[in-house]
Amino acid sequence: MSGPYHHGEREVQRRAGLRREAEVSGRAIRDTVPPVAASFLTQQRLLVAGAADDRGDIWATVLTGPAGFLRAEDEHSLSVAARPAPADPLAAVLERPVRLGMLAIEAATRRRMRMNGTARPHGGGLLVDLDQVVANCPKYIQKRTPPAADPGPPPAAAPLSRVRGSDRLDDGQRRFLAGADTFFIATADEHGRADASHRGGNPGFLQAPSPTLVRWPDYTGNAMFLTLGNLLVNSRAGLVVPDYATGATLHLTGSARIVWGAEDAGSPVPTPADTGRVVEFTVTGVAELPGTLPAGWSPPALSRFNPPVPATGAPSAA
């Protein structure tokens, strides 16, 4: 490590021509939870978490609870009064100490906070020793409000007959991805240090051109490149895509690569004018779980920062 960044992050910053901007943004990376962030955490009802399983596959999931289920025990640790349902890809993983990437996000105010560390089981939840805490900007977060009632305890395990697993996307899942405006991605560096992040855009920004390929544009951000830097040194990644209407979540695991302009891709790829970068994700595992989130969120107010999405055809069966 050199300063707050590892060599993969520095290399992406260099190739993007944003090393100077990254050094400025890096001042926001710390290893403690400041008081204002501790207060923010106690108000949250949703936490994105990402980690690697015993095979090294990375998965992302969403944990929920009433306000107060997240609490900074001190400036170096976070308690999470929730665990995944038994059918969740990370349920068994979080029964032991593990490197965990986390993102607390409040869509109603477009605020988010990134936290990484080592989690261990604690009572019915988790205790996380933090080693990286990052405040992120509100760009590309779609404003939406959760149901008025607190979700209460985490949802009970879904009957296994309702949990769908595969090694590829079906046509309905591909259509769902094509209409999504938000997803979350978990990555890790070559030493297994995990991270979780948010991606957002207008519906259509996330594409699934085949049952085993998902792609999205990399929009202008804070120049840290924590996600892309991890992908440069460890291609494994996990996505979770929430269905805010029904409360279901679609979980994907696989590997990802950075496409530095359309000429690097195996087929034509629409690239954002401001960066030219696209991420291509090869799917190797799929899990679709009902009841992960409280259902019935408000319709989204799309972020004014979302770039327009080029017109594309509907996903074809393949």
C-alpha atoms as a PDB file:
ATOM      1  CA  MET A   1       0.000   0.000   0.000  1.00  0.00           C
ATOM      2  CA  SER A   2       1.119   3.565  -0.725  1.00  0.00           C
ATOM      3  CA  GLY A   3      -1.028   6.022   1.184  1.00  0.00           C
ATOM      4  CA  PRO A   4      -4.670   4.939   1.098  1.00  0.00           C
ATOM      5  CA  TYR A   5      -4.387   3.094  -2.254  1.00  0.00           C
ATOM      6  CA  HIS A   6      -3.030  -0.284  -3.351  1.00  0.00           C
ATOM      7  CA  HIS A   7      -1.154  -0.723  -6.631  1.00  0.00           C
ATOM      8  CA  GLY A   8      -4.227  -1.757  -8.646  1.00  0.00           C
ATOM      9  CA  GLU A   9      -6.069   1.423  -7.678  1.00  0.00           C
ATOM     10  CA  ARG A  10      -3.018   3.542  -8.486  1.00  0.00           C
ATOM     11  CA  GLU A  11      -2.652   1.888 -11.887  1.00  0.00           C
ATOM     12  CA  VAL A  12      -6.268   2.571 -12.855  1.00  0.00           C
ATOM     13  CA  GLN A  13      -5.902   6.155 -11.633  1.00  0.00           C
ATOM     14  CA  ARG A  14      -2.771   6.525 -13.764  1.00  0.00           C
ATOM     15  CA  ARG A  15      -4.363   5.071 -16.891  1.00  0.00           C
ATOM     16  CA  ALA A  16      -7.415   7.302 -16.437  1.00  0.00           C
ATOM     17  CA  GLY A  17      -5.155  10.351 -16.022  1.00  0.00           C
ATOM     18  CA  LEU A  18      -6.602  11.129 -12.582  1.00  0.00           C
ATOM     19  CA  ARG A  19      -3.755  10.523 -10.117  1.00  0.00           C
ATOM     20  CA  ARG A  20      -3.815  14.099  -8.829  1.00  0.00           C
ATOM     21  CA  GLU A  21      -7.591  14.036  -8.311  1.00  0.00           C
ATOM     22  CA  ALA A  22      -7.274  10.673  -6.564  1.00  0.00           C
ATOM     23  CA  GLU A  23      -4.765  12.058  -4.092  1.00  0.00           C
ATOM     24  CA  VAL A  24      -7.237  14.794  -3.148  1.00  0.00           C
ATOM     25  CA  SER A  25     -10.141  12.325  -2.839  1.00  0.00           C
ATOM     26  CA  GLY A  26      -7.964   9.982  -0.816  1.00  0.00           C
ATOM     27  CA  ARG A  27      -8.051  12.393   2.097  1.00  0.00           C
ATOM     28  CA  ALA A  28     -11.601  11.153   2.749  1.00  0.00           C
ATOM     29  CA  ILE A  29     -10.377   7.591   3.372  1.00  0.00           C
ATOM     30  CA  ARG A  30      -9.826   6.879   7.052  1.00  0.00           C
ATOM     31  CA  ASP A  31      -9.758   3.939   9.431  1.00  0.00           C
ATOM     32  CA  THR A  32     -12.142   5.366  12.021  1.00  0.00           C
ATOM     33  CA  VAL A  33     -15.820   6.297  12.170  1.00  0.00           C
ATOM     34  CA  PRO A  34     -16.232  10.042  12.859  1.00  0.00           C
ATOM     35  CA  PRO A  35     -19.106  11.121  15.144  1.00  0.00           C
ATOM     36  CA  VAL A  36     -21.261  12.444  12.265  1.00  0.00           C
ATOM     37  CA  ALA A  37     -20.927   9.082  10.507  1.00  0.00           C
ATOM     38  CA  ALA A  38     -21.780   7.182  13.696  1.00  0.00           C
ATOM     39  CA  SER A  39     -24.989   9.201  13.949  1.00  0.00           C
ATOM     40  CA  PHE A  40     -25.808   8.481  10.293  1.00  0.00           C
ATOM     41  CA  LEU A  41     -25.365   4.737  10.823  1.00  0.00           C
ATOM     42  CA  THR A  42     -27.901   4.560  13.661  1.00  0.00           C
ATOM     43  CA  GLN A  43     -30.580   5.925  11.309  1.00  0.00           C
ATOM     44  CA  GLN A  44     -30.058   3.335   8.568  1.00  0.00           C
ATOM     45  CA  ARG A  45     -32.282   0.381   7.701  1.00  0.00           C
ATOM     46  CA  LEU A  46     -30.215  -1.183   4.933  1.00  0.00           C
ATOM     47  CA  LEU A  47     -26.636  -2.424   4.600  1.00  0.00           C
ATOM     48  CA  VAL A  48     -25.015  -3.896   1.484  1.00  0.00           C
ATOM     49  CA  ALA A  49     -22.366  -6.519   2.293  1.00  0.00           C
ATOM     50  CA  GLY A  50     -19.882  -8.399   0.118  1.00  0.00           C
ATOM     51  CA  ALA A  51     -17.430 -11.234   0.769  1.00  0.00           C
ATOM     52  CA  ALA A  52     -15.800 -14.276  -0.806  1.00  0.00           C
ATOM     53  CA  ASP A  53     -17.095 -17.800  -0.162  1.00  0.00           C
ATOM     54  CA  ASP A  54     -14.971 -20.909   0.436  1.00  0.00           C
ATOM     55  CA  ARG A  55     -14.412 -21.311  -3.300  1.00  0.00           C
ATOM     56  CA  GLY A  56     -13.210 -17.737  -3.666  1.00  0.00           C
ATOM     57  CA  ASP A  57     -16.386 -16.657  -5.466  1.00  0.00           C
ATOM     58  CA  ILE A  58     -17.474 -13.178  -4.378  1.00  0.00           C
ATOM     59  CA  TRP A  59     -21.121 -12.488  -3.562  1.00  0.00           C
ATOM     60  CA  ALA A  60     -22.992  -9.363  -2.522  1.00  0.00           C
ATOM     61  CA  THR A  61     -26.150  -9.233  -0.427  1.00  0.00           C
ATOM     62  CA  VAL A  62     -28.397  -6.825   1.440  1.00  0.00           C
ATOM     63  CA  LEU A  63     -29.058  -6.867   5.199  1.00  0.00           C
ATOM     64  CA  THR A  64     -31.998  -4.965   6.665  1.00  0.00           C
ATOM     65  CA  GLY A  65     -33.395  -4.078  10.060  1.00  0.00           C
ATOM     66  CA  PRO A  66     -35.093  -1.280  11.977  1.00  0.00           C
ATOM     67  CA  ALA A  67     -33.266   1.991  12.538  1.00  0.00           C
ATOM     68  CA  GLY A  68     -30.563   1.232  15.107  1.00  0.00           C
ATOM     69  CA  PHE A  69     -29.635  -2.204  13.748  1.00  0.00           C
ATOM     70  CA  LEU A  70     -26.306  -0.625  12.747  1.00  0.00           C
ATOM     71  CA  ARG A  71     -24.246   0.909  15.531  1.00  0.00           C
ATOM     72  CA  ALA A  72     -20.661   2.099  15.819  1.00  0.00           C
ATOM     73  CA  GLU A  73     -19.493   0.424  19.029  1.00  0.00           C
ATOM     74  CA  ASP A  74     -16.489   2.742  18.967  1.00  0.00           C
ATOM     75  CA  GLU A  75     -14.570   4.519  16.239  1.00  0.00           C
ATOM     76  CA  HIS A  76     -13.001   1.246  15.078  1.00  0.00           C
ATOM     77  CA  SER A  77     -15.908  -1.218  15.120  1.00  0.00           C
ATOM     78  CA  LEU A  78     -19.433  -1.653  13.804  1.00  0.00           C
ATOM     79  CA  SER A  79     -22.148  -3.941  15.127  1.00  0.00           C
ATOM     80  CA  VAL A  80     -24.781  -5.262  12.718  1.00  0.00           C
ATOM     81  CA  ALA A  81     -27.912  -6.745  14.313  1.00  0.00           C
ATOM     82  CA  ALA A  82     -28.765  -8.853  11.271  1.00  0.00           C
ATOM     83  CA  ARG A  83     -27.576 -11.920   9.388  1.00  0.00           C
ATOM     84  CA  PRO A  84     -28.522 -13.226   5.937  1.00  0.00           C
ATOM     85  CA  ALA A  85     -31.356 -15.727   5.576  1.00  0.00           C
ATOM     86  CA  PRO A  86     -30.130 -19.353   5.325  1.00  0.00           C
ATOM     87  CA  ALA A  87     -30.672 -19.493   1.539  1.00  0.00           C
ATOM     88  CA  ASP A  88     -28.535 -16.386   0.954  1.00  0.00           C
ATOM     89  CA  PRO A  89     -25.186 -17.047  -0.788  1.00  0.00           C
ATOM     90  CA  LEU A  90     -23.369 -15.340   2.116  1.00  0.00           C
ATOM     91  CA  ALA A  91     -25.261 -17.063   4.970  1.00  0.00           C
ATOM     92  CA  ALA A  92     -22.633 -19.756   5.613  1.00  0.00           C
ATOM     93  CA  VAL A  93     -19.758 -17.358   4.900  1.00  0.00           C
ATOM     94  CA  LEU A  94     -20.809 -15.025   7.713  1.00  0.00           C
ATOM     95  CA  GLU A  95     -20.854 -17.828  10.259  1.00  0.00           C
ATOM     96  CA  ARG A  96     -17.080 -17.426  10.597  1.00  0.00           C
ATOM     97  CA  PRO A  97     -14.581 -14.543  10.578  1.00  0.00           C
ATOM     98  CA  VAL A  98     -14.317 -13.081   7.079  1.00  0.00           C
ATOM     99  CA  ARG A  99     -13.131  -9.978   5.246  1.00  0.00           C
ATOM    100  CA  LEU A 100     -16.288  -7.950   4.598  1.00  0.00           C
ATOM    101  CA  GLY A 101     -17.011  -4.949   2.392  1.00  0.00           C
ATOM    102  CA  MET A 102     -20.044  -2.864   3.388  1.00  0.00           C
ATOM    103  CA  LEU A 103     -22.078   0.071   2.152  1.00  0.00           C
ATOM    104  CA  ALA A 104     -24.712   1.861   4.233  1.00  0.00           C
ATOM    105  CA  ILE A 105     -26.962   3.743   1.836  1.00  0.00           C
ATOM    106  CA  GLU A 106     -29.948   6.009   2.444  1.00  0.00           C
ATOM    107  CA  ALA A 107     -31.667   6.425  -0.918  1.00  0.00           C
ATOM    108  CA  ALA A 108     -34.212   8.942   0.420  1.00  0.00           C
ATOM    109  CA  THR A 109     -31.409  11.471   1.062  1.00  0.00           C
ATOM    110  CA  ARG A 110     -28.874  10.131  -1.460  1.00  0.00           C
ATOM    111  CA  ARG A 111     -26.299   9.571   1.285  1.00  0.00           C
ATOM    112  CA  ARG A 112     -23.925   6.618   1.523  1.00  0.00           C
ATOM    113  CA  MET A 113     -20.995   5.433   3.591  1.00  0.00           C
ATOM    114  CA  ARG A 114     -18.520   2.697   2.706  1.00  0.00           C
ATOM    115  CA  MET A 115     -16.870   0.539   5.378  1.00  0.00           C
ATOM    116  CA  ASN A 116     -14.478  -2.398   5.065  1.00  0.00           C
ATOM    117  CA  GLY A 117     -13.017  -4.701   7.679  1.00  0.00           C
ATOM    118  CA  THR A 118     -13.096  -8.137   9.278  1.00  0.00           C
ATOM    119  CA  ALA A 119     -16.455  -9.457  10.476  1.00  0.00           C
ATOM    120  CA  ARG A 120     -17.147 -12.178  13.002  1.00  0.00           C
ATOM    121  CA  PRO A 121     -20.409 -13.597  14.337  1.00  0.00           C
ATOM    122  CA  HIS A 122     -21.660 -11.745  17.384  1.00  0.00           C
ATOM    123  CA  GLY A 123     -24.910 -12.797  19.033  1.00  0.00           C
ATOM    124  CA  GLY A 124     -27.495 -12.940  16.272  1.00  0.00           C
ATOM    125  CA  GLY A 125     -25.538 -10.503  14.119  1.00  0.00           C
ATOM    126  CA  LEU A 126     -22.010  -9.402  13.300  1.00  0.00           C
ATOM    127  CA  LEU A 127     -19.219  -7.369  14.828  1.00  0.00           C
ATOM    128  CA  VAL A 128     -16.870  -5.798  12.298  1.00  0.00           C
ATOM    129  CA  ASP A 129     -13.379  -4.500  13.053  1.00  0.00           C
ATOM    130  CA  LEU A 130     -12.993  -1.651  10.579  1.00  0.00           C
ATOM    131  CA  ASP A 131      -9.870  -0.774   8.641  1.00  0.00           C
ATOM    132  CA  GLN A 132     -11.327   1.505   5.944  1.00  0.00           C
ATOM    133  CA  VAL A 133     -14.139   4.064   6.184  1.00  0.00           C
ATOM    134  CA  VAL A 134     -15.066   6.229   3.193  1.00  0.00           C
ATOM    135  CA  ALA A 135     -17.761   8.858   2.718  1.00  0.00           C
ATOM    136  CA  ASN A 136     -19.011   8.865  -0.901  1.00  0.00           C
ATOM    137  CA  CYS A 137     -20.776  11.533  -2.946  1.00  0.00           C
ATOM    138  CA  PRO A 138     -24.498  11.296  -3.894  1.00  0.00           C
ATOM    139  CA  LYS A 139     -23.914  10.943  -7.656  1.00  0.00           C
ATOM    140  CA  TYR A 140     -26.094   8.426  -9.524  1.00  0.00           C
ATOM    141  CA  ILE A 141     -28.198   7.495  -6.467  1.00  0.00           C
ATOM    142  CA  GLN A 142     -31.892   7.356  -7.371  1.00  0.00           C
ATOM    143  CA  LYS A 143     -33.999   8.966  -4.666  1.00  0.00           C
ATOM    144  CA  ARG A 144     -36.624   6.576  -3.281  1.00  0.00           C
ATOM    145  CA  THR A 145     -38.185   6.074   0.122  1.00  0.00           C
ATOM    146  CA  PRO A 146     -38.760   2.773   1.919  1.00  0.00           C
ATOM    147  CA  PRO A 147     -42.158   1.680   3.234  1.00  0.00           C
ATOM    148  CA  ALA A 148     -43.318   3.805   6.159  1.00  0.00           C
ATOM    149  CA  ALA A 149     -43.227   0.936   8.647  1.00  0.00           C
ATOM    150  CA  ASP A 150     -39.912  -0.330   9.965  1.00  0.00           C
ATOM    151  CA  PRO A 151     -39.078  -3.699   8.402  1.00  0.00           C
ATOM    152  CA  GLY A 152     -38.580  -5.207  11.854  1.00  0.00           C
ATOM    153  CA  PRO A 153     -36.322  -8.253  12.210  1.00  0.00           C
ATOM    154  CA  PRO A 154     -34.544  -9.606   9.124  1.00  0.00           C
ATOM    155  CA  PRO A 155     -36.839 -11.660   6.881  1.00  0.00           C
ATOM    156  CA  ALA A 156     -37.294 -15.333   7.700  1.00  0.00           C
ATOM    157  CA  ALA A 157     -35.688 -17.871   5.433  1.00  0.00           C
ATOM    158  CA  ALA A 158     -37.439 -18.211   2.111  1.00  0.00           C
ATOM    159  CA  PRO A 159     -38.711 -21.724   1.373  1.00  0.00           C
ATOM    160  CA  LEU A 160     -36.077 -23.419  -0.738  1.00  0.00           C
ATOM    161  CA  SER A 161     -38.714 -24.134  -3.369  1.00  0.00           C
ATOM    162  CA  ARG A 162     -38.889 -20.384  -3.980  1.00  0.00           C
ATOM    163  CA  VAL A 163     -35.136 -19.799  -4.127  1.00  0.00           C
ATOM    164  CA  ARG A 164     -33.869 -20.008  -7.703  1.00  0.00           C
ATOM    165  CA  GLY A 165     -30.257 -20.859  -8.487  1.00  0.00           C
ATOM    166  CA  SER A 166     -28.423 -21.335 -11.776  1.00  0.00           C
ATOM    167  CA  ASP A 167     -25.159 -20.695 -13.593  1.00  0.00           C
ATOM    168  CA  ARG A 168     -26.792 -18.349 -16.101  1.00  0.00           C
ATOM    169  CA  LEU A 169     -29.496 -15.734 -16.400  1.00  0.00           C
ATOM    170  CA  ASP A 170     -32.913 -16.638 -17.739  1.00  0.00           C
ATOM    171  CA  ASP A 171     -34.853 -14.332 -20.058  1.00  0.00           C
ATOM    172  CA  GLY A 172     -36.918 -12.846 -17.232  1.00  0.00           C
ATOM    173  CA  GLN A 173     -33.808 -12.019 -15.208  1.00  0.00           C
ATOM    174  CA  ARG A 174     -32.217 -10.387 -18.251  1.00  0.00           C
ATOM    175  CA  ARG A 175     -35.289  -8.225 -18.763  1.00  0.00           C
ATOM    176  CA  PHE A 176     -35.227  -7.307 -15.067  1.00  0.00           C
ATOM    177  CA  LEU A 177     -31.586  -6.203 -15.353  1.00  0.00           C
ATOM    178  CA  ALA A 178     -32.365  -4.130 -18.441  1.00  0.00           C
ATOM    179  CA  GLY A 179     -34.932  -2.146 -16.430  1.00  0.00           C
ATOM    180  CA  ALA A 180     -32.806  -1.710 -13.290  1.00  0.00           C
ATOM    181  CA  ASP A 181     -31.560   1.720 -12.192  1.00  0.00           C
ATOM    182  CA  THR A 182     -29.460   0.520  -9.244  1.00  0.00           C
ATOM    183  CA  PHE A 183     -27.180  -2.360  -8.327  1.00  0.00           C
ATOM    184  CA  PHE A 184     -24.376  -3.043  -5.880  1.00  0.00           C
ATOM    185  CA  ILE A 185     -21.008  -4.645  -6.568  1.00  0.00           C
ATOM    186  CA  ALA A 186     -18.611  -6.460  -4.230  1.00  0.00           C
ATOM    187  CA  THR A 187     -14.931  -6.896  -5.072  1.00  0.00           C
ATOM    188  CA  ALA A 188     -11.680  -7.716  -3.258  1.00  0.00           C
ATOM    189  CA  ASP A 189      -7.997  -7.072  -3.788  1.00  0.00           C
ATOM    190  CA  GLU A 190      -5.423  -9.852  -4.240  1.00  0.00           C
ATOM    191  CA  HIS A 191      -5.120 -10.185  -0.450  1.00  0.00           C
ATOM    192  CA  GLY A 192      -8.855 -10.721   0.017  1.00  0.00           C
ATOM    193  CA  ARG A 193      -9.654  -7.273   1.427  1.00  0.00           C
ATOM    194  CA  ALA A 194     -13.301  -6.858   0.417  1.00  0.00           C
ATOM    195  CA  ASP A 195     -15.211  -3.776  -0.704  1.00  0.00           C
ATOM    196  CA  ALA A 196     -18.835  -3.008  -1.603  1.00  0.00           C
ATOM    197  CA  SER A 197     -20.003  -0.165  -3.816  1.00  0.00           C
ATOM    198  CA  HIS A 198     -23.057   1.316  -5.541  1.00  0.00           C
ATOM    199  CA  ARG A 199     -23.737   1.716  -9.252  1.00  0.00           C
ATOM    200  CA  GLY A 200     -26.674   3.677 -10.632  1.00  0.00           C
ATOM    201  CA  GLY A 201     -27.996   5.103 -13.869  1.00  0.00           C
ATOM    202  CA  ASN A 202     -31.077   5.483 -15.992  1.00  0.00           C
ATOM    203  CA  PRO A 203     -32.911   2.243 -16.771  1.00  0.00           C
ATOM    204  CA  GLY A 204     -31.016   0.539 -19.592  1.00  0.00           C
ATOM    205  CA  PHE A 205     -27.544   1.421 -18.288  1.00  0.00           C
ATOM    206  CA  LEU A 206     -27.184  -2.195 -17.145  1.00  0.00           C
ATOM    207  CA  GLN A 207     -27.203  -4.633 -20.065  1.00  0.00           C
ATOM    208  CA  ALA A 208     -27.377  -8.420 -20.287  1.00  0.00           C
ATOM    209  CA  PRO A 209     -26.654  -9.192 -23.959  1.00  0.00           C
ATOM    210  CA  SER A 210     -26.415 -12.929 -23.257  1.00  0.00           C
ATOM    211  CA  PRO A 211     -27.300 -15.316 -20.391  1.00  0.00           C
ATOM    212  CA  THR A 212     -23.698 -15.204 -19.147  1.00  0.00           C
ATOM    213  CA  LEU A 213     -22.677 -11.602 -19.874  1.00  0.00           C
ATOM    214  CA  VAL A 214     -23.614  -8.394 -18.076  1.00  0.00           C
ATOM    215  CA  ARG A 215     -22.081  -5.000 -18.832  1.00  0.00           C
ATOM    216  CA  TRP A 216     -22.377  -1.427 -17.641  1.00  0.00           C
ATOM    217  CA  PRO A 217     -20.665   1.928 -18.333  1.00  0.00           C
ATOM    218  CA  ASP A 218     -18.203   3.319 -15.802  1.00  0.00           C
ATOM    219  CA  TYR A 219     -19.314   6.885 -15.151  1.00  0.00           C
ATOM    220  CA  THR A 220     -17.226   9.762 -13.810  1.00  0.00           C
ATOM    221  CA  GLY A 221     -16.743   9.486 -10.044  1.00  0.00           C
ATOM    222  CA  ASN A 222     -14.396  10.550  -7.276  1.00  0.00           C
ATOM    223  CA  ALA A 223     -11.257   9.183  -9.027  1.00  0.00           C
ATOM    224  CA  MET A 224     -10.500   6.721  -6.209  1.00  0.00           C
ATOM    225  CA  PHE A 225     -11.283   3.666  -8.379  1.00  0.00           C
ATOM    226  CA  LEU A 226     -11.608   1.363  -5.377  1.00  0.00           C
ATOM    227  CA  THR A 227     -13.778  -1.053  -7.381  1.00  0.00           C
ATOM    228  CA  LEU A 228     -11.857  -0.960 -10.663  1.00  0.00           C
ATOM    229  CA  GLY A 229      -8.564  -1.099  -8.804  1.00  0.00           C
ATOM    230  CA  ASN A 230      -9.649  -4.319  -7.136  1.00  0.00           C
ATOM    231  CA  LEU A 231     -10.806  -5.767 -10.471  1.00  0.00           C
ATOM    232  CA  LEU A 232      -7.417  -5.038 -11.983  1.00  0.00           C
ATOM    233  CA  VAL A 233      -5.711  -7.337  -9.444  1.00  0.00           C
ATOM    234  CA  ASN A 234      -8.586  -9.780  -8.736  1.00  0.00           C
ATOM    235  CA  SER A 235     -11.228 -10.230 -11.423  1.00  0.00           C
ATOM    236  CA  ARG A 236     -13.764 -11.998  -9.210  1.00  0.00           C
ATOM    237  CA  ALA A 237     -16.823  -9.965  -8.255  1.00  0.00           C
ATOM    238  CA  GLY A 238     -20.400 -10.241  -7.066  1.00  0.00           C
ATOM    239  CA  LEU A 239     -23.492  -8.193  -7.899  1.00  0.00           C
ATOM    240  CA  VAL A 240     -26.812  -7.812  -6.096  1.00  0.00           C
ATOM    241  CA  VAL A 241     -29.701  -6.110  -7.865  1.00  0.00           C
ATOM    242  CA  PRO A 242     -32.696  -5.156  -5.699  1.00  0.00           C
ATOM    243  CA  ASP A 243     -36.304  -5.227  -6.834  1.00  0.00           C
ATOM    244  CA  TYR A 244     -37.659  -2.395  -4.709  1.00  0.00           C
ATOM    245  CA  ALA A 245     -41.259  -3.154  -5.665  1.00  0.00           C
ATOM    246  CA  THR A 246     -41.332  -6.797  -4.546  1.00  0.00           C
ATOM    247  CA  GLY A 247     -38.411  -6.978  -2.093  1.00  0.00           C
ATOM    248  CA  ALA A 248     -36.644  -9.702  -4.078  1.00  0.00           C
ATOM    249  CA  THR A 249     -32.927  -9.603  -4.868  1.00  0.00           C
ATOM    250  CA  LEU A 250     -30.957 -11.041  -7.776  1.00  0.00           C
ATOM    251  CA  HIS A 251     -27.440 -12.159  -6.801  1.00  0.00           C
ATOM    252  CA  LEU A 252     -24.707 -12.832  -9.382  1.00  0.00           C
ATOM    253  CA  THR A 253     -21.140 -14.043  -9.019  1.00  0.00           C
ATOM    254  CA  GLY A 254     -18.466 -14.245 -11.682  1.00  0.00           C
ATOM    255  CA  SER A 255     -15.502 -12.321 -13.022  1.00  0.00           C
ATOM    256  CA  ALA A 256     -15.200  -8.840 -14.480  1.00  0.00           C
ATOM    257  CA  ARG A 257     -12.849  -6.963 -16.745  1.00  0.00           C
ATOM    258  CA  ILE A 258     -12.396  -3.288 -17.554  1.00  0.00           C
ATOM    259  CA  VAL A 259     -12.923  -2.376 -21.203  1.00  0.00           C
ATOM    260  CA  TRP A 260     -10.873   0.735 -21.966  1.00  0.00           C
ATOM    261  CA  GLY A 261     -12.889   1.885 -24.957  1.00  0.00           C
ATOM    262  CA  ALA A 262     -15.015  -0.004 -27.469  1.00  0.00           C
ATOM    263  CA  GLU A 263     -11.973  -1.141 -29.434  1.00  0.00           C
ATOM    264  CA  ASP A 264     -10.950  -3.419 -26.536  1.00  0.00           C
ATOM    265  CA  ALA A 265     -14.271  -5.285 -26.500  1.00  0.00           C
ATOM    266  CA  GLY A 266     -15.043  -8.442 -28.414  1.00  0.00           C
ATOM    267  CA  SER A 267     -18.172  -6.787 -29.798  1.00  0.00           C
ATOM    268  CA  PRO A 268     -19.365  -3.182 -30.172  1.00  0.00           C
ATOM    269  CA  VAL A 269     -19.984  -1.636 -26.740  1.00  0.00           C
ATOM    270  CA  PRO A 270     -21.617   1.770 -26.153  1.00  0.00           C
ATOM    271  CA  THR A 271     -19.124   3.676 -23.995  1.00  0.00           C
ATOM    272  CA  PRO A 272     -19.820   6.805 -21.928  1.00  0.00           C
ATOM    273  CA  ALA A 273     -18.416   9.853 -23.666  1.00  0.00           C
ATOM    274  CA  ASP A 274     -16.753  11.192 -20.521  1.00  0.00           C
ATOM    275  CA  THR A 275     -14.721   8.063 -19.615  1.00  0.00           C
ATOM    276  CA  GLY A 276     -14.803   5.551 -22.474  1.00  0.00           C
ATOM    277  CA  ARG A 277     -14.773   2.776 -19.868  1.00  0.00           C
ATOM    278  CA  VAL A 278     -17.129  -0.175 -19.620  1.00  0.00           C
ATOM    279  CA  VAL A 279     -17.101  -3.147 -17.249  1.00  0.00           C
ATOM    280  CA  GLU A 280     -17.951  -6.588 -18.642  1.00  0.00           C
ATOM    281  CA  PHE A 281     -19.039  -9.220 -16.133  1.00  0.00           C
ATOM    282  CA  THR A 282     -19.074 -12.945 -16.948  1.00  0.00           C
ATOM    283  CA  VAL A 283     -21.751 -14.744 -14.936  1.00  0.00           C
ATOM    284  CA  THR A 284     -20.903 -18.084 -13.294  1.00  0.00           C
ATOM    285  CA  GLY A 285     -23.552 -18.201 -10.549  1.00  0.00           C
ATOM    286  CA  VAL A 286     -27.060 -16.819 -10.060  1.00  0.00           C
ATOM    287  CA  ALA A 287     -29.374 -16.809  -7.035  1.00  0.00           C
ATOM    288  CA  GLU A 288     -32.769 -15.132  -6.913  1.00  0.00           C
ATOM    289  CA  LEU A 289     -34.216 -14.648  -3.425  1.00  0.00           C
ATOM    290  CA  PRO A 290     -37.636 -13.295  -2.425  1.00  0.00           C
ATOM    291  CA  GLY A 291     -38.212 -11.208   0.688  1.00  0.00           C
ATOM    292  CA  THR A 292     -34.691  -9.847   1.160  1.00  0.00           C
ATOM    293  CA  LEU A 293     -35.932  -6.242   1.350  1.00  0.00           C
ATOM    294  CA  PRO A 294     -39.151  -4.693   2.602  1.00  0.00           C
ATOM    295  CA  ALA A 295     -41.408  -4.419  -0.449  1.00  0.00           C
ATOM    296  CA  GLY A 296     -43.214  -1.344  -1.714  1.00  0.00           C
ATOM    297  CA  TRP A 297     -40.579   1.383  -1.982  1.00  0.00           C
ATOM    298  CA  SER A 298     -41.611   4.599  -3.710  1.00  0.00           C
ATOM    299  CA  PRO A 299     -40.968   5.028  -7.434  1.00  0.00           C
ATOM    300  CA  PRO A 300     -37.501   6.489  -8.014  1.00  0.00           C
ATOM    301  CA  ALA A 301     -36.595  10.095  -8.682  1.00  0.00           C
ATOM    302  CA  LEU A 302     -33.696   9.545 -11.051  1.00  0.00           C
ATOM    303  CA  SER A 303     -30.448  11.353 -10.338  1.00  0.00           C
ATOM    304  CA  ARG A 304     -29.821  14.456 -12.425  1.00  0.00           C
ATOM    305  CA  PHE A 305     -26.255  13.189 -12.888  1.00  0.00           C
ATOM    306  CA  ASN A 306     -27.346  10.071 -14.794  1.00  0.00           C
ATOM    307  CA  PRO A 307     -26.040  10.217 -18.375  1.00  0.00           C
ATOM    308  CA  PRO A 308     -28.510   9.377 -21.135  1.00  0.00           C
ATOM    309  CA  VAL A 309     -28.595   5.718 -22.138  1.00  0.00           C
ATOM    310  CA  PRO A 310     -28.124   4.838 -25.824  1.00  0.00           C
ATOM    311  CA  ALA A 311     -31.126   3.089 -27.349  1.00  0.00           C
ATOM    312  CA  THR A 312     -30.645  -0.674 -27.550  1.00  0.00           C
ATOM    313  CA  GLY A 313     -32.806  -3.574 -28.538  1.00  0.00           C
ATOM    314  CA  ALA A 314     -34.440  -5.868 -26.005  1.00  0.00           C
ATOM    315  CA  PRO A 315     -32.371  -8.843 -24.805  1.00  0.00           C
ATOM    316  CA  SER A 316     -32.575 -11.768 -27.171  1.00  0.00           C
ATOM    317  CA  ALA A 317     -32.750 -15.366 -26.066  1.00  0.00           C
ATOM    318  CA  ALA A 318     -29.448 -17.181 -26.303  1.00  0.00           C
END
